Amino acid sequence: MINYNGKIFKPISNSENGETSDETFFYYQQTENILTATYQGGQIKTGHLIGLIDDQGNIDMQYHQVNKNGALMTGICKSTPEILANGKIRLHEVWEWTCADRSKGESIIEEQ
């Protein structure tokens, strides 16, 4: 299992309907196979996520955030890890809003 504890991630790409950007930072914490994170920056005032990590390091998570417009946004996401040549982690994410228009998207975030 990949250990995400104490790692910081930043988006490098996102679908147009997403709210994270290269100004958003995610602060991951892990206990056993439970992942939690806080995040903020760019269009996001504050956000939290909670997820479960499987033996291959895949993450199944749910998130909620408040954006700069003051709207509470919620969603689900599945992240698949890739270990880069420099040893850092890149997460390929497929997500869906569980609020508003319930649209879907994809993003990539990388360990800083």
PDB file of N, CA and C in Angstrom:
ATOM      1  N   MET A   1       0.851  -1.189   0.000  1.00  0.00           N
ATOM      2  CA  MET A   1       0.000   0.000   0.000  1.00  0.00           C
ATOM      3  C   MET A   1       0.891   1.245   0.000  1.00  0.00           C
ATOM      4  N   ILE A   2       0.536   2.214  -0.787  1.00  0.00           N
ATOM      5  CA  ILE A   2       1.247   3.492  -0.824  1.00  0.00           C
ATOM      6  C   ILE A   2       0.920   4.266   0.443  1.00  0.00           C
ATOM      7  N   ASN A   3       1.916   4.937   1.002  1.00  0.00           N
ATOM      8  CA  ASN A   3       1.693   5.766   2.179  1.00  0.00           C
ATOM      9  C   ASN A   3       1.578   7.227   1.739  1.00  0.00           C
ATOM     10  N   TYR A   4       0.391   7.799   1.894  1.00  0.00           N
ATOM     11  CA  TYR A   4       0.127   9.183   1.512  1.00  0.00           C
ATOM     12  C   TYR A   4       0.310  10.162   2.668  1.00  0.00           C
ATOM     13  N   ASN A   5       0.620   9.653   3.849  1.00  0.00           N
ATOM     14  CA  ASN A   5       0.655  10.494   5.045  1.00  0.00           C
ATOM     15  C   ASN A   5       1.674  11.619   4.918  1.00  0.00           C
ATOM     16  N   GLY A   6       1.218  12.843   5.179  1.00  0.00           N
ATOM     17  CA  GLY A   6       2.084  14.013   5.176  1.00  0.00           C
ATOM     18  C   GLY A   6       2.425  14.558   3.803  1.00  0.00           C
ATOM     19  N   LYS A   7       1.867  13.999   2.747  1.00  0.00           N
ATOM     20  CA  LYS A   7       2.189  14.442   1.390  1.00  0.00           C
ATOM     21  C   LYS A   7       1.295  15.612   0.976  1.00  0.00           C
ATOM     22  N   ILE A   8       1.857  16.468   0.144  1.00  0.00           N
ATOM     23  CA  ILE A   8       1.138  17.624  -0.390  1.00  0.00           C
ATOM     24  C   ILE A   8       1.020  17.428  -1.898  1.00  0.00           C
ATOM     25  N   PHE A   9      -0.188  17.635  -2.421  1.00  0.00           N
ATOM     26  CA  PHE A   9      -0.450  17.477  -3.847  1.00  0.00           C
ATOM     27  C   PHE A   9      -0.980  18.778  -4.435  1.00  0.00           C
ATOM     28  N   LYS A  10      -0.719  18.955  -5.741  1.00  0.00           N
ATOM     29  CA  LYS A  10      -1.180  20.132  -6.470  1.00  0.00           C
ATOM     30  C   LYS A  10      -1.675  19.668  -7.844  1.00  0.00           C
ATOM     31  N   PRO A  11      -2.826  20.182  -8.304  1.00  0.00           N
ATOM     32  CA  PRO A  11      -3.330  19.799  -9.621  1.00  0.00           C
ATOM     33  C   PRO A  11      -2.404  20.261 -10.747  1.00  0.00           C
ATOM     34  N   ILE A  12      -2.276  19.395 -11.773  1.00  0.00           N
ATOM     35  CA  ILE A  12      -1.569  19.797 -12.984  1.00  0.00           C
ATOM     36  C   ILE A  12      -2.524  19.858 -14.176  1.00  0.00           C
ATOM     37  N   SER A  13      -3.726  19.260 -14.027  1.00  0.00           N
ATOM     38  CA  SER A  13      -4.766  19.397 -15.054  1.00  0.00           C
ATOM     39  C   SER A  13      -6.122  19.099 -14.417  1.00  0.00           C
ATOM     40  N   ASN A  14      -7.179  19.656 -15.031  1.00  0.00           N
ATOM     41  CA  ASN A  14      -8.538  19.425 -14.547  1.00  0.00           C
ATOM     42  C   ASN A  14      -9.517  19.718 -15.670  1.00  0.00           C
ATOM     43  N   SER A  15     -10.659  19.045 -15.656  1.00  0.00           N
ATOM     44  CA  SER A  15     -11.730  19.331 -16.607  1.00  0.00           C
ATOM     45  C   SER A  15     -12.270  20.735 -16.358  1.00  0.00           C
ATOM     46  N   GLU A  16     -12.867  21.321 -17.400  1.00  0.00           N
ATOM     47  CA  GLU A  16     -13.396  22.689 -17.297  1.00  0.00           C
ATOM     48  C   GLU A  16     -14.428  22.863 -16.193  1.00  0.00           C
ATOM     49  N   ASN A  17     -15.206  21.819 -15.906  1.00  0.00           N
ATOM     50  CA  ASN A  17     -16.261  21.917 -14.902  1.00  0.00           C
ATOM     51  C   ASN A  17     -15.753  21.691 -13.479  1.00  0.00           C
ATOM     52  N   GLY A  18     -14.443  21.518 -13.311  1.00  0.00           N
ATOM     53  CA  GLY A  18     -13.858  21.362 -11.983  1.00  0.00           C
ATOM     54  C   GLY A  18     -13.500  22.700 -11.371  1.00  0.00           C
ATOM     55  N   GLU A  19     -13.236  22.702 -10.075  1.00  0.00           N
ATOM     56  CA  GLU A  19     -12.912  23.954  -9.375  1.00  0.00           C
ATOM     57  C   GLU A  19     -11.465  24.022  -8.902  1.00  0.00           C
ATOM     58  N   THR A  20     -10.728  22.912  -8.931  1.00  0.00           N
ATOM     59  CA  THR A  20      -9.336  22.974  -8.506  1.00  0.00           C
ATOM     60  C   THR A  20      -8.473  23.507  -9.645  1.00  0.00           C
ATOM     61  N   SER A  21      -7.323  24.077  -9.261  1.00  0.00           N
ATOM     62  CA  SER A  21      -6.386  24.644 -10.239  1.00  0.00           C
ATOM     63  C   SER A  21      -4.981  24.511  -9.679  1.00  0.00           C
ATOM     64  N   ASP A  22      -4.013  25.048 -10.408  1.00  0.00           N
ATOM     65  CA  ASP A  22      -2.623  24.983  -9.933  1.00  0.00           C
ATOM     66  C   ASP A  22      -2.394  25.866  -8.711  1.00  0.00           C
ATOM     67  N   GLU A  23      -3.431  26.564  -8.256  1.00  0.00           N
ATOM     68  CA  GLU A  23      -3.359  27.359  -7.023  1.00  0.00           C
ATOM     69  C   GLU A  23      -3.914  26.590  -5.819  1.00  0.00           C
ATOM     70  N   THR A  24      -4.420  25.374  -6.052  1.00  0.00           N
ATOM     71  CA  THR A  24      -5.024  24.561  -4.999  1.00  0.00           C
ATOM     72  C   THR A  24      -3.990  23.591  -4.439  1.00  0.00           C
ATOM     73  N   PHE A  25      -3.906  23.504  -3.116  1.00  0.00           N
ATOM     74  CA  PHE A  25      -2.998  22.560  -2.473  1.00  0.00           C
ATOM     75  C   PHE A  25      -3.796  21.620  -1.583  1.00  0.00           C
ATOM     76  N   PHE A  26      -3.475  20.320  -1.678  1.00  0.00           N
ATOM     77  CA  PHE A  26      -4.099  19.257  -0.894  1.00  0.00           C
ATOM     78  C   PHE A  26      -3.083  18.750   0.121  1.00  0.00           C
ATOM     79  N   TYR A  27      -3.486  18.648   1.386  1.00  0.00           N
ATOM     80  CA  TYR A  27      -2.618  18.201   2.484  1.00  0.00           C
ATOM     81  C   TYR A  27      -3.158  16.865   2.994  1.00  0.00           C
ATOM     82  N   TYR A  28      -2.500  15.767   2.596  1.00  0.00           N
ATOM     83  CA  TYR A  28      -2.976  14.416   2.874  1.00  0.00           C
ATOM     84  C   TYR A  28      -2.478  13.899   4.224  1.00  0.00           C
ATOM     85  N   GLN A  29      -3.361  13.171   4.901  1.00  0.00           N
ATOM     86  CA  GLN A  29      -3.036  12.443   6.130  1.00  0.00           C
ATOM     87  C   GLN A  29      -3.599  11.033   5.981  1.00  0.00           C
ATOM     88  N   GLN A  30      -2.869  10.054   6.494  1.00  0.00           N
ATOM     89  CA  GLN A  30      -3.310   8.668   6.380  1.00  0.00           C
ATOM     90  C   GLN A  30      -3.116   7.940   7.698  1.00  0.00           C
ATOM     91  N   THR A  31      -4.138   7.190   8.112  1.00  0.00           N
ATOM     92  CA  THR A  31      -4.072   6.265   9.244  1.00  0.00           C
ATOM     93  C   THR A  31      -4.592   4.928   8.741  1.00  0.00           C
ATOM     94  N   GLU A  32      -3.708   3.922   8.752  1.00  0.00           N
ATOM     95  CA  GLU A  32      -4.031   2.608   8.181  1.00  0.00           C
ATOM     96  C   GLU A  32      -4.476   2.811   6.731  1.00  0.00           C
ATOM     97  N   ASN A  33      -5.676   2.371   6.356  1.00  0.00           N
ATOM     98  CA  ASN A  33      -6.118   2.560   4.972  1.00  0.00           C
ATOM     99  C   ASN A  33      -7.108   3.722   4.822  1.00  0.00           C
ATOM    100  N   ILE A  34      -7.166   4.601   5.822  1.00  0.00           N
ATOM    101  CA  ILE A  34      -8.090   5.745   5.791  1.00  0.00           C
ATOM    102  C   ILE A  34      -7.309   7.007   5.444  1.00  0.00           C
ATOM    103  N   LEU A  35      -7.755   7.687   4.401  1.00  0.00           N
ATOM    104  CA  LEU A  35      -7.136   8.921   3.946  1.00  0.00           C
ATOM    105  C   LEU A  35      -8.045  10.103   4.261  1.00  0.00           C
ATOM    106  N   THR A  36      -7.477  11.166   4.794  1.00  0.00           N
ATOM    107  CA  THR A  36      -8.193  12.425   4.952  1.00  0.00           C
ATOM    108  C   THR A  36      -7.314  13.524   4.379  1.00  0.00           C
ATOM    109  N   ALA A  37      -7.932  14.622   3.997  1.00  0.00           N
ATOM    110  CA  ALA A  37      -7.152  15.757   3.499  1.00  0.00           C
ATOM    111  C   ALA A  37      -7.949  17.034   3.671  1.00  0.00           C
ATOM    112  N   THR A  38      -7.220  18.115   3.809  1.00  0.00           N
ATOM    113  CA  THR A  38      -7.786  19.451   3.708  1.00  0.00           C
ATOM    114  C   THR A  38      -7.189  20.064   2.448  1.00  0.00           C
ATOM    115  N   TYR A  39      -7.916  20.984   1.845  1.00  0.00           N
ATOM    116  CA  TYR A  39      -7.393  21.655   0.661  1.00  0.00           C
ATOM    117  C   TYR A  39      -8.006  23.038   0.523  1.00  0.00           C
ATOM    118  N   GLN A  40      -7.283  23.898  -0.196  1.00  0.00           N
ATOM    119  CA  GLN A  40      -7.728  25.269  -0.425  1.00  0.00           C
ATOM    120  C   GLN A  40      -6.871  25.892  -1.508  1.00  0.00           C
ATOM    121  N   GLY A  41      -7.337  27.031  -2.002  1.00  0.00           N
ATOM    122  CA  GLY A  41      -6.586  27.787  -2.985  1.00  0.00           C
ATOM    123  C   GLY A  41      -7.321  27.921  -4.303  1.00  0.00           C
ATOM    124  N   GLY A  42      -7.038  28.983  -5.015  1.00  0.00           N
ATOM    125  CA  GLY A  42      -7.719  29.249  -6.279  1.00  0.00           C
ATOM    126  C   GLY A  42      -9.188  29.529  -6.024  1.00  0.00           C
ATOM    127  N   GLN A  43     -10.064  28.778  -6.673  1.00  0.00           N
ATOM    128  CA  GLN A  43     -11.514  28.975  -6.536  1.00  0.00           C
ATOM    129  C   GLN A  43     -12.091  28.358  -5.263  1.00  0.00           C
ATOM    130  N   ILE A  44     -11.245  27.685  -4.464  1.00  0.00           N
ATOM    131  CA  ILE A  44     -11.743  26.974  -3.285  1.00  0.00           C
ATOM    132  C   ILE A  44     -11.298  27.664  -2.004  1.00  0.00           C
ATOM    133  N   LYS A  45     -12.287  28.090  -1.207  1.00  0.00           N
ATOM    134  CA  LYS A  45     -11.968  28.680   0.102  1.00  0.00           C
ATOM    135  C   LYS A  45     -11.457  27.611   1.058  1.00  0.00           C
ATOM    136  N   THR A  46     -12.185  26.487   1.144  1.00  0.00           N
ATOM    137  CA  THR A  46     -11.769  25.380   2.007  1.00  0.00           C
ATOM    138  C   THR A  46     -12.470  24.110   1.558  1.00  0.00           C
ATOM    139  N   GLY A  47     -11.780  22.991   1.738  1.00  0.00           N
ATOM    140  CA  GLY A  47     -12.364  21.705   1.372  1.00  0.00           C
ATOM    141  C   GLY A  47     -11.786  20.586   2.208  1.00  0.00           C
ATOM    142  N   HIS A  48     -12.515  19.484   2.251  1.00  0.00           N
ATOM    143  CA  HIS A  48     -12.104  18.279   2.983  1.00  0.00           C
ATOM    144  C   HIS A  48     -12.448  17.058   2.142  1.00  0.00           C
ATOM    145  N   LEU A  49     -11.647  16.027   2.286  1.00  0.00           N
ATOM    146  CA  LEU A  49     -11.984  14.760   1.657  1.00  0.00           C
ATOM    147  C   LEU A  49     -11.693  13.625   2.624  1.00  0.00           C
ATOM    148  N   ILE A  50     -12.382  12.510   2.414  1.00  0.00           N
ATOM    149  CA  ILE A  50     -12.139  11.296   3.179  1.00  0.00           C
ATOM    150  C   ILE A  50     -12.256  10.132   2.209  1.00  0.00           C
ATOM    151  N   GLY A  51     -11.344   9.172   2.352  1.00  0.00           N
ATOM    152  CA  GLY A  51     -11.356   8.060   1.422  1.00  0.00           C
ATOM    153  C   GLY A  51     -10.727   6.816   2.007  1.00  0.00           C
ATOM    154  N   LEU A  52     -10.873   5.741   1.259  1.00  0.00           N
ATOM    155  CA  LEU A  52     -10.279   4.452   1.607  1.00  0.00           C
ATOM    156  C   LEU A  52      -9.251   4.089   0.542  1.00  0.00           C
ATOM    157  N   ILE A  53      -8.119   3.554   0.984  1.00  0.00           N
ATOM    158  CA  ILE A  53      -7.023   3.183   0.102  1.00  0.00           C
ATOM    159  C   ILE A  53      -6.960   1.662   0.015  1.00  0.00           C
ATOM    160  N   ASP A  54      -6.867   1.142  -1.215  1.00  0.00           N
ATOM    161  CA  ASP A  54      -6.735  -0.310  -1.355  1.00  0.00           C
ATOM    162  C   ASP A  54      -5.255  -0.708  -1.394  1.00  0.00           C
ATOM    163  N   ASP A  55      -4.982  -1.996  -1.548  1.00  0.00           N
ATOM    164  CA  ASP A  55      -3.610  -2.509  -1.501  1.00  0.00           C
ATOM    165  C   ASP A  55      -2.724  -1.982  -2.616  1.00  0.00           C
ATOM    166  N   GLN A  56      -3.304  -1.542  -3.733  1.00  0.00           N
ATOM    167  CA  GLN A  56      -2.527  -0.989  -4.846  1.00  0.00           C
ATOM    168  C   GLN A  56      -2.365   0.528  -4.749  1.00  0.00           C
ATOM    169  N   GLY A  57      -2.932   1.141  -3.704  1.00  0.00           N
ATOM    170  CA  GLY A  57      -2.831   2.583  -3.525  1.00  0.00           C
ATOM    171  C   GLY A  57      -3.940   3.375  -4.172  1.00  0.00           C
ATOM    172  N   ASN A  58      -4.924   2.682  -4.774  1.00  0.00           N
ATOM    173  CA  ASN A  58      -6.082   3.372  -5.343  1.00  0.00           C
ATOM    174  C   ASN A  58      -6.913   3.970  -4.208  1.00  0.00           C
ATOM    175  N   ILE A  59      -7.493   5.134  -4.458  1.00  0.00           N
ATOM    176  CA  ILE A  59      -8.282   5.828  -3.435  1.00  0.00           C
ATOM    177  C   ILE A  59      -9.718   5.974  -3.915  1.00  0.00           C
ATOM    178  N   ASP A  60     -10.667   5.607  -3.073  1.00  0.00           N
ATOM    179  CA  ASP A  60     -12.092   5.810  -3.308  1.00  0.00           C
ATOM    180  C   ASP A  60     -12.525   6.838  -2.275  1.00  0.00           C
ATOM    181  N   MET A  61     -12.888   8.047  -2.736  1.00  0.00           N
ATOM    182  CA  MET A  61     -13.115   9.135  -1.775  1.00  0.00           C
ATOM    183  C   MET A  61     -14.390   9.909  -2.043  1.00  0.00           C
ATOM    184  N   GLN A  62     -14.762  10.678  -1.030  1.00  0.00           N
ATOM    185  CA  GLN A  62     -15.835  11.658  -1.120  1.00  0.00           C
ATOM    186  C   GLN A  62     -15.272  12.988  -0.641  1.00  0.00           C
ATOM    187  N   TYR A  63     -15.769  14.075  -1.218  1.00  0.00           N
ATOM    188  CA  TYR A  63     -15.240  15.390  -0.847  1.00  0.00           C
ATOM    189  C   TYR A  63     -16.359  16.428  -0.749  1.00  0.00           C
ATOM    190  N   HIS A  64     -16.066  17.470   0.005  1.00  0.00           N
ATOM    191  CA  HIS A  64     -16.941  18.640   0.054  1.00  0.00           C
ATOM    192  C   HIS A  64     -16.068  19.877   0.164  1.00  0.00           C
ATOM    193  N   GLN A  65     -16.552  20.962  -0.422  1.00  0.00           N
ATOM    194  CA  GLN A  65     -15.775  22.200  -0.429  1.00  0.00           C
ATOM    195  C   GLN A  65     -16.699  23.401  -0.537  1.00  0.00           C
ATOM    196  N   VAL A  66     -16.190  24.543  -0.091  1.00  0.00           N
ATOM    197  CA  VAL A  66     -16.883  25.818  -0.261  1.00  0.00           C
ATOM    198  C   VAL A  66     -16.048  26.622  -1.242  1.00  0.00           C
ATOM    199  N   ASN A  67     -16.694  27.054  -2.331  1.00  0.00           N
ATOM    200  CA  ASN A  67     -15.952  27.820  -3.333  1.00  0.00           C
ATOM    201  C   ASN A  67     -16.021  29.326  -3.052  1.00  0.00           C
ATOM    202  N   LYS A  68     -15.328  30.108  -3.867  1.00  0.00           N
ATOM    203  CA  LYS A  68     -15.260  31.566  -3.645  1.00  0.00           C
ATOM    204  C   LYS A  68     -16.614  32.241  -3.796  1.00  0.00           C
ATOM    205  N   ASN A  69     -17.581  31.583  -4.439  1.00  0.00           N
ATOM    206  CA  ASN A  69     -18.935  32.130  -4.550  1.00  0.00           C
ATOM    207  C   ASN A  69     -19.773  31.818  -3.315  1.00  0.00           C
ATOM    208  N   GLY A  70     -19.200  31.062  -2.372  1.00  0.00           N
ATOM    209  CA  GLY A  70     -19.910  30.705  -1.152  1.00  0.00           C
ATOM    210  C   GLY A  70     -20.796  29.477  -1.297  1.00  0.00           C
ATOM    211  N   ALA A  71     -20.661  28.749  -2.402  1.00  0.00           N
ATOM    212  CA  ALA A  71     -21.483  27.548  -2.616  1.00  0.00           C
ATOM    213  C   ALA A  71     -20.791  26.328  -2.022  1.00  0.00           C
ATOM    214  N   LEU A  72     -21.582  25.483  -1.375  1.00  0.00           N
ATOM    215  CA  LEU A  72     -21.102  24.204  -0.859  1.00  0.00           C
ATOM    216  C   LEU A  72     -21.228  23.184  -1.982  1.00  0.00           C
ATOM    217  N   MET A  73     -20.097  22.585  -2.369  1.00  0.00           N
ATOM    218  CA  MET A  73     -20.048  21.620  -3.460  1.00  0.00           C
ATOM    219  C   MET A  73     -19.617  20.269  -2.899  1.00  0.00           C
ATOM    220  N   THR A  74     -20.214  19.185  -3.395  1.00  0.00           N
ATOM    221  CA  THR A  74     -19.890  17.839  -2.925  1.00  0.00           C
ATOM    222  C   THR A  74     -19.639  16.929  -4.122  1.00  0.00           C
ATOM    223  N   GLY A  75     -18.832  15.883  -3.888  1.00  0.00           N
ATOM    224  CA  GLY A  75     -18.571  14.962  -4.982  1.00  0.00           C
ATOM    225  C   GLY A  75     -17.909  13.679  -4.534  1.00  0.00           C
ATOM    226  N   ILE A  76     -17.713  12.788  -5.514  1.00  0.00           N
ATOM    227  CA  ILE A  76     -17.019  11.527  -5.307  1.00  0.00           C
ATOM    228  C   ILE A  76     -15.879  11.441  -6.316  1.00  0.00           C
ATOM    229  N   CYS A  77     -14.847  10.666  -5.974  1.00  0.00           N
ATOM    230  CA  CYS A  77     -13.667  10.589  -6.822  1.00  0.00           C
ATOM    231  C   CYS A  77     -12.977   9.248  -6.634  1.00  0.00           C
ATOM    232  N   LYS A  78     -12.443   8.717  -7.727  1.00  0.00           N
ATOM    233  CA  LYS A  78     -11.586   7.532  -7.683  1.00  0.00           C
ATOM    234  C   LYS A  78     -10.231   7.959  -8.243  1.00  0.00           C
ATOM    235  N   SER A  79      -9.165   7.714  -7.458  1.00  0.00           N
ATOM    236  CA  SER A  79      -7.816   8.109  -7.843  1.00  0.00           C
ATOM    237  C   SER A  79      -6.942   6.880  -8.029  1.00  0.00           C
ATOM    238  N   THR A  80      -6.190   6.877  -9.118  1.00  0.00           N
ATOM    239  CA  THR A  80      -5.268   5.789  -9.432  1.00  0.00           C
ATOM    240  C   THR A  80      -3.843   6.346  -9.417  1.00  0.00           C
ATOM    241  N   PRO A  81      -2.952   5.758  -8.598  1.00  0.00           N
ATOM    242  CA  PRO A  81      -1.603   6.307  -8.486  1.00  0.00           C
ATOM    243  C   PRO A  81      -0.668   5.854  -9.603  1.00  0.00           C
ATOM    244  N   GLU A  82       0.280   6.728  -9.902  1.00  0.00           N
ATOM    245  CA  GLU A  82       1.406   6.429 -10.793  1.00  0.00           C
ATOM    246  C   GLU A  82       2.648   6.910 -10.056  1.00  0.00           C
ATOM    247  N   ILE A  83       3.659   6.079  -9.958  1.00  0.00           N
ATOM    248  CA  ILE A  83       4.918   6.491  -9.325  1.00  0.00           C
ATOM    249  C   ILE A  83       5.830   7.016 -10.424  1.00  0.00           C
ATOM    250  N   LEU A  84       6.236   8.270 -10.303  1.00  0.00           N
ATOM    251  CA  LEU A  84       7.082   8.915 -11.307  1.00  0.00           C
ATOM    252  C   LEU A  84       8.539   8.486 -11.149  1.00  0.00           C
ATOM    253  N   ALA A  85       9.351   8.770 -12.162  1.00  0.00           N
ATOM    254  CA  ALA A  85      10.775   8.400 -12.155  1.00  0.00           C
ATOM    255  C   ALA A  85      11.508   8.993 -10.956  1.00  0.00           C
ATOM    256  N   ASN A  86      11.053  10.164 -10.486  1.00  0.00           N
ATOM    257  CA  ASN A  86      11.695  10.815  -9.332  1.00  0.00           C
ATOM    258  C   ASN A  86      11.166  10.298  -7.994  1.00  0.00           C
ATOM    259  N   GLY A  87      10.267   9.279  -8.036  1.00  0.00           N
ATOM    260  CA  GLY A  87       9.728   8.689  -6.817  1.00  0.00           C
ATOM    261  C   GLY A  87       8.476   9.360  -6.289  1.00  0.00           C
ATOM    262  N   LYS A  88       8.098  10.492  -6.866  1.00  0.00           N
ATOM    263  CA  LYS A  88       6.889  11.189  -6.417  1.00  0.00           C
ATOM    264  C   LYS A  88       5.650  10.512  -6.994  1.00  0.00           C
ATOM    265  N   ILE A  89       4.504  10.828  -6.403  1.00  0.00           N
ATOM    266  CA  ILE A  89       3.239  10.203  -6.786  1.00  0.00           C
ATOM    267  C   ILE A  89       2.432  11.163  -7.659  1.00  0.00           C
ATOM    268  N   ARG A  90       1.893  10.621  -8.740  1.00  0.00           N
ATOM    269  CA  ARG A  90       0.922  11.341  -9.583  1.00  0.00           C
ATOM    270  C   ARG A  90      -0.388  10.569  -9.463  1.00  0.00           C
ATOM    271  N   LEU A  91      -1.485  11.277  -9.193  1.00  0.00           N
ATOM    272  CA  LEU A  91      -2.799  10.647  -9.070  1.00  0.00           C
ATOM    273  C   LEU A  91      -3.669  11.027 -10.268  1.00  0.00           C
ATOM    274  N   HIS A  92      -4.172   9.998 -10.954  1.00  0.00           N
ATOM    275  CA  HIS A  92      -5.109  10.179 -12.062  1.00  0.00           C
ATOM    276  C   HIS A  92      -6.505  10.015 -11.482  1.00  0.00           C
ATOM    277  N   GLU A  93      -7.320  11.052 -11.603  1.00  0.00           N
ATOM    278  CA  GLU A  93      -8.604  11.086 -10.902  1.00  0.00           C
ATOM    279  C   GLU A  93      -9.786  11.156 -11.868  1.00  0.00           C
ATOM    280  N   VAL A  94     -10.813  10.390 -11.540  1.00  0.00           N
ATOM    281  CA  VAL A  94     -12.101  10.447 -12.231  1.00  0.00           C
ATOM    282  C   VAL A  94     -13.117  10.819 -11.160  1.00  0.00           C
ATOM    283  N   TRP A  95     -13.811  11.943 -11.369  1.00  0.00           N
ATOM    284  CA  TRP A  95     -14.673  12.460 -10.317  1.00  0.00           C
ATOM    285  C   TRP A  95     -16.051  12.823 -10.871  1.00  0.00           C
ATOM    286  N   GLU A  96     -16.974  13.014  -9.914  1.00  0.00           N
ATOM    287  CA  GLU A  96     -18.345  13.404 -10.265  1.00  0.00           C
ATOM    288  C   GLU A  96     -18.911  14.283  -9.166  1.00  0.00           C
ATOM    289  N   TRP A  97     -19.527  15.374  -9.566  1.00  0.00           N
ATOM    290  CA  TRP A  97     -20.247  16.202  -8.597  1.00  0.00           C
ATOM    291  C   TRP A  97     -21.477  15.442  -8.130  1.00  0.00           C
ATOM    292  N   THR A  98     -21.762  15.475  -6.828  1.00  0.00           N
ATOM    293  CA  THR A  98     -22.997  14.886  -6.302  1.00  0.00           C
ATOM    294  C   THR A  98     -23.995  15.986  -5.964  1.00  0.00           C
ATOM    295  N   CYS A  99     -23.731  17.170  -6.468  1.00  0.00           N
ATOM    296  CA  CYS A  99     -24.595  18.331  -6.282  1.00  0.00           C
ATOM    297  C   CYS A  99     -24.703  19.049  -7.633  1.00  0.00           C
ATOM    298  N   ALA A 100     -25.416  20.136  -7.651  1.00  0.00           N
ATOM    299  CA  ALA A 100     -25.536  20.984  -8.850  1.00  0.00           C
ATOM    300  C   ALA A 100     -25.898  20.146 -10.071  1.00  0.00           C
ATOM    301  N   ASP A 101     -25.064  20.201 -11.124  1.00  0.00           N
ATOM    302  CA  ASP A 101     -25.423  19.530 -12.380  1.00  0.00           C
ATOM    303  C   ASP A 101     -25.000  18.065 -12.444  1.00  0.00           C
ATOM    304  N   ARG A 102     -24.337  17.551 -11.407  1.00  0.00           N
ATOM    305  CA  ARG A 102     -23.889  16.158 -11.325  1.00  0.00           C
ATOM    306  C   ARG A 102     -22.992  15.758 -12.495  1.00  0.00           C
ATOM    307  N   SER A 103     -22.272  16.738 -13.026  1.00  0.00           N
ATOM    308  CA  SER A 103     -21.373  16.451 -14.145  1.00  0.00           C
ATOM    309  C   SER A 103     -20.142  15.700 -13.670  1.00  0.00           C
ATOM    310  N   LYS A 104     -19.421  15.127 -14.638  1.00  0.00           N
ATOM    311  CA  LYS A 104     -18.225  14.335 -14.356  1.00  0.00           C
ATOM    312  C   LYS A 104     -17.001  15.014 -14.949  1.00  0.00           C
ATOM    313  N   GLY A 105     -15.840  14.601 -14.458  1.00  0.00           N
ATOM    314  CA  GLY A 105     -14.603  15.149 -14.991  1.00  0.00           C
ATOM    315  C   GLY A 105     -13.418  14.282 -14.632  1.00  0.00           C
ATOM    316  N   GLU A 106     -12.258  14.729 -15.097  1.00  0.00           N
ATOM    317  CA  GLU A 106     -11.003  14.049 -14.807  1.00  0.00           C
ATOM    318  C   GLU A 106      -9.960  15.093 -14.432  1.00  0.00           C
ATOM    319  N   SER A 107      -9.071  14.702 -13.536  1.00  0.00           N
ATOM    320  CA  SER A 107      -7.986  15.599 -13.141  1.00  0.00           C
ATOM    321  C   SER A 107      -6.743  14.768 -12.843  1.00  0.00           C
ATOM    322  N   ILE A 108      -5.624  15.465 -12.803  1.00  0.00           N
ATOM    323  CA  ILE A 108      -4.356  14.853 -12.412  1.00  0.00           C
ATOM    324  C   ILE A 108      -3.723  15.761 -11.368  1.00  0.00           C
ATOM    325  N   ILE A 109      -3.316  15.166 -10.242  1.00  0.00           N
ATOM    326  CA  ILE A 109      -2.602  15.922  -9.224  1.00  0.00           C
ATOM    327  C   ILE A 109      -1.257  15.243  -8.972  1.00  0.00           C
ATOM    328  N   GLU A 110      -0.262  16.053  -8.583  1.00  0.00           N
ATOM    329  CA  GLU A 110       1.069  15.522  -8.350  1.00  0.00           C
ATOM    330  C   GLU A 110       1.595  15.924  -6.987  1.00  0.00           C
ATOM    331  N   GLU A 111       2.363  15.009  -6.400  1.00  0.00           N
ATOM    332  CA  GLU A 111       3.016  15.271  -5.134  1.00  0.00           C
ATOM    333  C   GLU A 111       4.024  16.395  -5.314  1.00  0.00           C
ATOM    334  N   GLN A 112       4.066  17.296  -4.346  1.00  0.00           N
ATOM    335  CA  GLN A 112       5.003  18.431  -4.390  1.00  0.00           C
ATOM    336  C   GLN A 112       6.256  18.143  -3.605  1.00  0.00           C
TER     337      GLN A 112
END
